Protein backbone atom coordinates (compact mmCIF):
# COMPACT_ATOMS: atom_id res chain seq x y z
CA MET A 1 7.21 -9.68 6.83
CA LYS A 2 5.99 -11.74 3.89
CA SER A 3 6.45 -14.93 5.93
CA ASP A 4 3.94 -13.48 8.44
CA GLY A 5 1.29 -13.15 5.77
CA VAL A 6 1.78 -9.43 5.27
CA VAL A 7 0.97 -8.35 1.72
CA VAL A 8 2.03 -5.00 0.32
CA LEU A 9 0.81 -3.61 -2.96
CA ALA A 10 0.75 -0.22 -4.59
CA ILE A 11 -2.20 0.67 -6.78
CA SER A 12 -1.39 3.18 -9.46
CA ILE A 13 -4.20 5.53 -10.49
CA ASP A 14 -2.11 7.35 -13.08
CA GLY A 15 -4.09 7.77 -16.29
CA THR A 16 -1.15 6.69 -18.42
CA GLY A 17 -1.01 3.29 -16.74
CA ALA A 18 2.04 1.07 -16.55
CA GLN A 19 4.30 3.54 -18.35
CA ALA A 20 3.99 5.84 -15.32
CA ALA A 21 4.14 3.17 -12.61
CA ARG A 22 7.02 1.09 -13.96
CA PRO A 23 9.78 3.73 -13.56
CA VAL A 24 8.66 4.49 -9.99
CA MET A 25 8.72 0.81 -9.07
CA GLU A 26 12.12 0.30 -10.70
CA GLU A 27 13.67 3.41 -9.15
CA GLY A 28 12.48 2.42 -5.68
CA LYS A 29 13.52 -1.20 -6.28
CA PHE A 30 10.08 -2.28 -5.08
CA SER A 31 9.26 -5.95 -5.54
CA PHE A 32 5.61 -5.90 -4.46
CA PRO A 33 2.73 -5.94 -6.95
CA ALA A 34 1.53 -2.64 -8.42
CA PRO A 35 -1.76 -3.14 -10.24
CA ILE A 36 -3.07 -0.29 -12.39
CA ASP A 37 -6.46 1.33 -11.64
CA GLN A 38 -6.81 3.71 -14.61
CA SER A 39 -10.59 3.79 -14.24
CA MET A 40 -10.15 4.65 -10.53
CA SER A 41 -12.84 2.14 -9.57
CA VAL A 42 -10.79 0.81 -6.63
CA ALA A 43 -9.81 4.35 -5.63
CA ARG A 44 -13.49 5.34 -5.52
CA GLN A 45 -14.39 2.27 -3.46
CA PHE A 46 -11.76 3.23 -0.89
CA GLY A 47 -12.64 6.93 -0.98
CA VAL A 48 -9.23 8.12 -2.16
CA ARG A 49 -9.13 11.90 -2.15
CA GLY A 50 -5.43 12.42 -2.86
CA VAL A 51 -2.20 10.54 -3.31
CA PRO A 52 -0.35 8.92 -1.84
CA MET A 53 -2.89 7.18 0.38
CA THR A 54 -1.99 4.30 2.67
CA TYR A 55 -4.48 1.75 3.94
CA ILE A 56 -3.84 -0.96 6.48
CA VAL A 57 -6.28 -3.83 6.05
CA ASP A 58 -6.42 -6.57 8.67
CA ARG A 59 -6.79 -10.30 8.03
CA LYS A 60 -10.59 -9.96 8.07
CA GLY A 61 -10.51 -7.39 5.27
CA VAL A 62 -11.31 -4.46 7.57
CA VAL A 63 -9.52 -1.14 7.02
CA VAL A 64 -7.97 -0.53 10.45
CA ALA A 65 -5.89 2.53 9.57
CA GLN A 66 -5.50 4.99 6.74
CA GLY A 67 -3.57 8.11 6.04
CA TYR A 68 -2.71 10.62 3.37
CA GLY A 69 0.85 11.61 2.53
CA PRO A 70 4.24 9.96 2.48
CA VAL A 71 4.89 7.11 4.91
CA ASP A 72 8.25 5.88 6.14
CA PHE A 73 7.60 2.16 5.82
CA ASP A 74 10.98 1.45 7.42
CA ALA A 75 10.15 3.42 10.57
CA SER A 76 10.16 1.11 13.59
CA GLN A 77 6.79 2.42 14.81
CA PHE A 78 5.11 1.60 11.50
CA ARG A 79 6.77 -1.81 11.21
CA ASP A 80 5.87 -2.69 14.82
CA TYR A 81 2.23 -1.76 14.15
CA VAL A 82 2.07 -3.98 11.06
CA LYS A 83 3.82 -6.84 12.86
CA ALA A 84 1.27 -6.62 15.66
CA LEU A 85 -1.58 -6.83 13.14
CA ALA A 86 0.11 -9.87 11.62
CA GLY A 87 0.10 -11.50 15.03
CA ARG A 88 3.85 -11.20 15.51
CA ARG A 89 5.50 -9.48 18.41
CA PRO A 90 7.42 -6.33 17.39
């Protein structure tokens, strides 16, 4: 969905930084950015209370959905929702 302007990133809040995030990204073969938030400043701004947290932010920068726990990003319902936000028909 990159061509539709959809951006995915994972923000690691692990205190050990990149050495903790890198193996997870490699194992999952993830190609999206994974900035490190060791100070948890971004996590505090978003009100993260546990991990993993998922936030869907629309084109205007508004958080339109959030949830705690694992997400099946390949599930058709999730992908259809994101496509609709991107202005593309599911």
